[in-house]
Structure formats: C-alpha cells, structure tokens
C-alpha cells in the first residue's frame, strides 16, 4: 500500500493480496481521519458481501473467491465511541458479468485497488439504534 494526501483528499493504491478494509483503517489512523467519504475501484480475489437481516439483527454474508472487478465501492469513515468505524458497500463482477454486492465485511485485493478518501472537516459519531440493532449516525453529540 502507498498513499499521498493532497489537502482533504487522500489517494491510495492498495496492492495485490492486501486486505482493503485493514489498509483503509491504517490510512485513516495514520492521517487522523474522523469523518470521510470513500470510493474505490480495482479487483478482489476474495470478498464477503451481504445484507443485514433486520428480523435476526445480524449480518448475512456471502463469500466469493476468484477474480472480481470492483464496479462500485462506496462508504464512510467515521467514529463510534470516539474510535475508528467504517461502513462500506461494494459490488464486483465476475468474468461473465454477474455482479454480487452488499455490505463489505472482507475484501482481499486481486491485482490492485485505487482508493480516494475525501476527508470532511468535523466529527460524526455513531450510536446503536435499539429499534434496528444498527450503528447509526448520531447528530446529538
């Protein structure tokens, strides 16, 4: 992984075999990012994406192995209880054009990943919503 910061924009390259979520967190910690939007493109060699089952109050993930082209990677970096927190959704296509996506909980880079982190001046913490079980933005702090 390598990255460079230009004002409030961080441009990063995440390399083959690296964990995209781990490297994104490392950049955020090194650059003291408290609030940002994230986008990326590239490839996955493995990923876990899925949905949150509201009735069961748990994440239902699907694991994929092989080469997948990232067609969408978007989300946020912020904090929960003052500590790093991210929420990323991704969609990726296989060689036949079938696209799989949802909430990203695991992603290993297949060839390369180009990521842009746009830092937002401010802080938005999260709080657990008792009704849904989700960690939602908290604007009351």
C-alpha atoms as a PDB file:
ATOM      1  CA  UNK A   1       0.000   0.000   0.000  1.00  0.00           C
ATOM      2  CA  UNK A   2       1.081   3.512  -0.757  1.00  0.00           C
ATOM      3  CA  UNK A   3      -0.822   6.765  -0.450  1.00  0.00           C
ATOM      4  CA  UNK A   4      -0.450  10.504  -0.694  1.00  0.00           C
ATOM      5  CA  UNK A   5      -2.519  13.265   0.872  1.00  0.00           C
ATOM      6  CA  UNK A   6      -3.490  16.396  -1.061  1.00  0.00           C
ATOM      7  CA  UNK A   7      -5.281  18.738   1.355  1.00  0.00           C
ATOM      8  CA  UNK A   8      -8.522  16.960   2.312  1.00  0.00           C
ATOM      9  CA  UNK A   9      -8.118  14.227  -0.325  1.00  0.00           C
ATOM     10  CA  UNK A  10      -6.133  11.034   0.156  1.00  0.00           C
ATOM     11  CA  UNK A  11      -5.276   8.968  -2.922  1.00  0.00           C
ATOM     12  CA  UNK A  12      -4.151   5.409  -2.198  1.00  0.00           C
ATOM     13  CA  UNK A  13      -3.011   2.299  -4.005  1.00  0.00           C
ATOM     14  CA  UNK A  14      -3.731  -0.954  -2.211  1.00  0.00           C
ATOM     15  CA  UNK A  15      -1.736  -3.871  -3.569  1.00  0.00           C
ATOM     16  CA  UNK A  16      -2.382  -7.477  -4.543  1.00  0.00           C
ATOM     17  CA  UNK A  17      -3.073  -9.724  -1.559  1.00  0.00           C
ATOM     18  CA  UNK A  18      -3.726  -6.875   0.860  1.00  0.00           C
ATOM     19  CA  UNK A  19      -6.882  -6.588   2.969  1.00  0.00           C
ATOM     20  CA  UNK A  20      -8.686  -3.483   1.692  1.00  0.00           C
ATOM     21  CA  UNK A  21     -10.527  -2.752   4.955  1.00  0.00           C
ATOM     22  CA  UNK A  22      -7.380  -3.184   7.038  1.00  0.00           C
ATOM     23  CA  UNK A  23      -5.370  -0.827   4.791  1.00  0.00           C
ATOM     24  CA  UNK A  24      -8.182   1.741   4.707  1.00  0.00           C
ATOM     25  CA  UNK A  25      -8.209   1.724   8.515  1.00  0.00           C
ATOM     26  CA  UNK A  26      -4.424   2.065   8.631  1.00  0.00           C
ATOM     27  CA  UNK A  27      -4.543   5.143   6.394  1.00  0.00           C
ATOM     28  CA  UNK A  28      -7.330   6.668   8.499  1.00  0.00           C
ATOM     29  CA  UNK A  29      -5.379   6.082  11.697  1.00  0.00           C
ATOM     30  CA  UNK A  30      -2.117   7.464  10.275  1.00  0.00           C
ATOM     31  CA  UNK A  31      -3.889  10.556   8.931  1.00  0.00           C
ATOM     32  CA  UNK A  32      -6.197  11.009  11.963  1.00  0.00           C
ATOM     33  CA  UNK A  33      -9.326  10.821   9.800  1.00  0.00           C
ATOM     34  CA  UNK A  34     -12.506  11.198  11.887  1.00  0.00           C
ATOM     35  CA  UNK A  35     -15.022  11.703   9.049  1.00  0.00           C
ATOM     36  CA  UNK A  36     -14.697  10.937   5.329  1.00  0.00           C
ATOM     37  CA  UNK A  37     -16.340   9.526   2.258  1.00  0.00           C
ATOM     38  CA  UNK A  38     -14.600   6.689   0.419  1.00  0.00           C
ATOM     39  CA  UNK A  39     -14.697   5.384  -3.146  1.00  0.00           C
ATOM     40  CA  UNK A  40     -12.531   2.849  -4.946  1.00  0.00           C
ATOM     41  CA  UNK A  41     -12.096   0.610  -7.961  1.00  0.00           C
ATOM     42  CA  UNK A  42      -9.886  -2.358  -8.775  1.00  0.00           C
ATOM     43  CA  UNK A  43     -10.211  -6.100  -8.233  1.00  0.00           C
ATOM     44  CA  UNK A  44     -10.928  -8.566  -5.440  1.00  0.00           C
ATOM     45  CA  UNK A  45      -9.549 -12.102  -5.241  1.00  0.00           C
ATOM     46  CA  UNK A  46     -11.935 -12.813  -2.372  1.00  0.00           C
ATOM     47  CA  UNK A  47     -14.739 -10.878  -0.751  1.00  0.00           C
ATOM     48  CA  UNK A  48     -17.592 -11.227   1.678  1.00  0.00           C
ATOM     49  CA  UNK A  49     -20.648  -9.102   0.927  1.00  0.00           C
ATOM     50  CA  UNK A  50     -24.199  -9.377   2.150  1.00  0.00           C
ATOM     51  CA  UNK A  51     -27.137  -7.808   3.870  1.00  0.00           C
ATOM     52  CA  UNK A  52     -28.271  -7.038   7.370  1.00  0.00           C
ATOM     53  CA  UNK A  53     -31.247  -9.211   8.320  1.00  0.00           C
ATOM     54  CA  UNK A  54     -33.450  -6.851  10.317  1.00  0.00           C
ATOM     55  CA  UNK A  55     -35.538  -9.658  11.870  1.00  0.00           C
ATOM     56  CA  UNK A  56     -32.494 -11.655  13.027  1.00  0.00           C
ATOM     57  CA  UNK A  57     -30.486  -8.498  13.726  1.00  0.00           C
ATOM     58  CA  UNK A  58     -27.386  -9.958  12.137  1.00  0.00           C
ATOM     59  CA  UNK A  59     -25.276  -9.686   9.021  1.00  0.00           C
ATOM     60  CA  UNK A  60     -25.861 -12.415   6.432  1.00  0.00           C
ATOM     61  CA  UNK A  61     -22.700 -12.671   4.318  1.00  0.00           C
ATOM     62  CA  UNK A  62     -21.857 -14.426   1.083  1.00  0.00           C
ATOM     63  CA  UNK A  63     -18.237 -15.456   0.436  1.00  0.00           C
ATOM     64  CA  UNK A  64     -16.759 -15.241  -3.072  1.00  0.00           C
ATOM     65  CA  UNK A  65     -13.382 -16.485  -4.326  1.00  0.00           C
ATOM     66  CA  UNK A  66     -11.827 -15.756  -7.720  1.00  0.00           C
ATOM     67  CA  UNK A  67     -11.130 -12.619  -9.734  1.00  0.00           C
ATOM     68  CA  UNK A  68     -13.825  -9.958  -9.425  1.00  0.00           C
ATOM     69  CA  UNK A  69     -13.774  -6.478 -10.955  1.00  0.00           C
ATOM     70  CA  UNK A  70     -14.916  -3.841  -8.453  1.00  0.00           C
ATOM     71  CA  UNK A  71     -17.731  -1.904 -10.131  1.00  0.00           C
ATOM     72  CA  UNK A  72     -18.744   0.034  -7.028  1.00  0.00           C
ATOM     73  CA  UNK A  73     -17.065   0.699  -3.673  1.00  0.00           C
ATOM     74  CA  UNK A  74     -18.546   3.465  -1.587  1.00  0.00           C
ATOM     75  CA  UNK A  75     -18.970   4.326   2.051  1.00  0.00           C
ATOM     76  CA  UNK A  76     -17.932   6.325   5.061  1.00  0.00           C
ATOM     77  CA  UNK A  77     -15.250   6.513   7.675  1.00  0.00           C
ATOM     78  CA  UNK A  78     -16.272   7.988  10.992  1.00  0.00           C
ATOM     79  CA  UNK A  79     -16.201   7.109  14.691  1.00  0.00           C
ATOM     80  CA  UNK A  80     -18.185   5.167  17.266  1.00  0.00           C
ATOM     81  CA  UNK A  81     -17.479   5.969  20.905  1.00  0.00           C
ATOM     82  CA  UNK A  82     -14.610   8.076  19.588  1.00  0.00           C
ATOM     83  CA  UNK A  83     -12.901   5.139  17.842  1.00  0.00           C
ATOM     84  CA  UNK A  84     -12.461   4.327  14.138  1.00  0.00           C
ATOM     85  CA  UNK A  85     -15.545   2.979  12.366  1.00  0.00           C
ATOM     86  CA  UNK A  86     -16.233   2.356   8.679  1.00  0.00           C
ATOM     87  CA  UNK A  87     -19.294   1.387   6.668  1.00  0.00           C
ATOM     88  CA  UNK A  88     -18.577   0.194   3.122  1.00  0.00           C
ATOM     89  CA  UNK A  89     -20.766  -1.238   0.374  1.00  0.00           C
ATOM     90  CA  UNK A  90     -19.230  -2.896  -2.669  1.00  0.00           C
ATOM     91  CA  UNK A  91     -20.315  -4.597  -5.858  1.00  0.00           C
ATOM     92  CA  UNK A  92     -17.999  -6.658  -8.050  1.00  0.00           C
ATOM     93  CA  UNK A  93     -18.412  -8.547 -11.317  1.00  0.00           C
ATOM     94  CA  UNK A  94     -17.105 -11.966 -12.310  1.00  0.00           C
ATOM     95  CA  UNK A  95     -15.761 -12.842 -15.777  1.00  0.00           C
ATOM     96  CA  UNK A  96     -19.289 -13.457 -17.083  1.00  0.00           C
ATOM     97  CA  UNK A  97     -20.563 -10.083 -15.893  1.00  0.00           C
ATOM     98  CA  UNK A  98     -22.530 -11.408 -12.929  1.00  0.00           C
ATOM     99  CA  UNK A  99     -22.449  -8.784 -10.177  1.00  0.00           C
ATOM    100  CA  UNK A 100     -22.515  -9.545  -6.455  1.00  0.00           C
ATOM    101  CA  UNK A 101     -22.649  -6.929  -3.768  1.00  0.00           C
ATOM    102  CA  UNK A 102     -23.838  -5.544  -0.491  1.00  0.00           C
ATOM    103  CA  UNK A 103     -22.230  -4.576   2.787  1.00  0.00           C
ATOM    104  CA  UNK A 104     -18.500  -5.394   2.553  1.00  0.00           C
ATOM    105  CA  UNK A 105     -17.104  -7.227   5.569  1.00  0.00           C
ATOM    106  CA  UNK A 106     -13.997  -8.728   3.908  1.00  0.00           C
ATOM    107  CA  UNK A 107     -12.039  -7.954   0.761  1.00  0.00           C
ATOM    108  CA  UNK A 108      -8.638  -9.114  -0.460  1.00  0.00           C
ATOM    109  CA  UNK A 109      -7.241  -7.229  -3.433  1.00  0.00           C
ATOM    110  CA  UNK A 110      -6.753  -9.341  -6.568  1.00  0.00           C
ATOM    111  CA  UNK A 111      -4.445  -7.122  -8.656  1.00  0.00           C
ATOM    112  CA  UNK A 112      -4.690  -3.532  -7.425  1.00  0.00           C
ATOM    113  CA  UNK A 113      -7.110  -1.057  -5.884  1.00  0.00           C
ATOM    114  CA  UNK A 114      -7.267   2.693  -6.400  1.00  0.00           C
ATOM    115  CA  UNK A 115      -8.949   4.429  -3.474  1.00  0.00           C
ATOM    116  CA  UNK A 116      -9.930   8.034  -2.869  1.00  0.00           C
ATOM    117  CA  UNK A 117     -10.724   9.164   0.675  1.00  0.00           C
ATOM    118  CA  UNK A 118     -12.311  12.599   0.908  1.00  0.00           C
ATOM    119  CA  UNK A 119     -11.824  13.950   4.416  1.00  0.00           C
ATOM    120  CA  UNK A 120     -14.696  16.017   5.813  1.00  0.00           C
ATOM    121  CA  UNK A 121     -13.950  18.633   8.448  1.00  0.00           C
ATOM    122  CA  UNK A 122     -15.876  17.567  11.539  1.00  0.00           C
ATOM    123  CA  UNK A 123     -16.857  14.523  13.534  1.00  0.00           C
ATOM    124  CA  UNK A 124     -19.998  12.373  13.357  1.00  0.00           C
ATOM    125  CA  UNK A 125     -20.039   9.581  15.922  1.00  0.00           C
ATOM    126  CA  UNK A 126     -22.304   6.527  15.799  1.00  0.00           C
ATOM    127  CA  UNK A 127     -24.713   5.094  18.320  1.00  0.00           C
ATOM    128  CA  UNK A 128     -26.509   1.755  18.433  1.00  0.00           C
ATOM    129  CA  UNK A 129     -30.146   2.110  17.379  1.00  0.00           C
ATOM    130  CA  UNK A 130     -32.183  -0.135  19.662  1.00  0.00           C
ATOM    131  CA  UNK A 131     -35.047  -0.454  17.168  1.00  0.00           C
ATOM    132  CA  UNK A 132     -32.932  -1.853  14.302  1.00  0.00           C
ATOM    133  CA  UNK A 133     -29.770  -3.015  16.042  1.00  0.00           C
ATOM    134  CA  UNK A 134     -27.715  -0.953  13.596  1.00  0.00           C
ATOM    135  CA  UNK A 135     -24.954   1.542  14.410  1.00  0.00           C
ATOM    136  CA  UNK A 136     -26.348   4.822  13.031  1.00  0.00           C
ATOM    137  CA  UNK A 137     -25.081   8.387  12.738  1.00  0.00           C
ATOM    138  CA  UNK A 138     -25.525  10.300  15.989  1.00  0.00           C
ATOM    139  CA  UNK A 139     -26.014  14.029  15.464  1.00  0.00           C
ATOM    140  CA  UNK A 140     -26.959  14.714  19.098  1.00  0.00           C
ATOM    141  CA  UNK A 141     -23.404  14.805  20.439  1.00  0.00           C
END
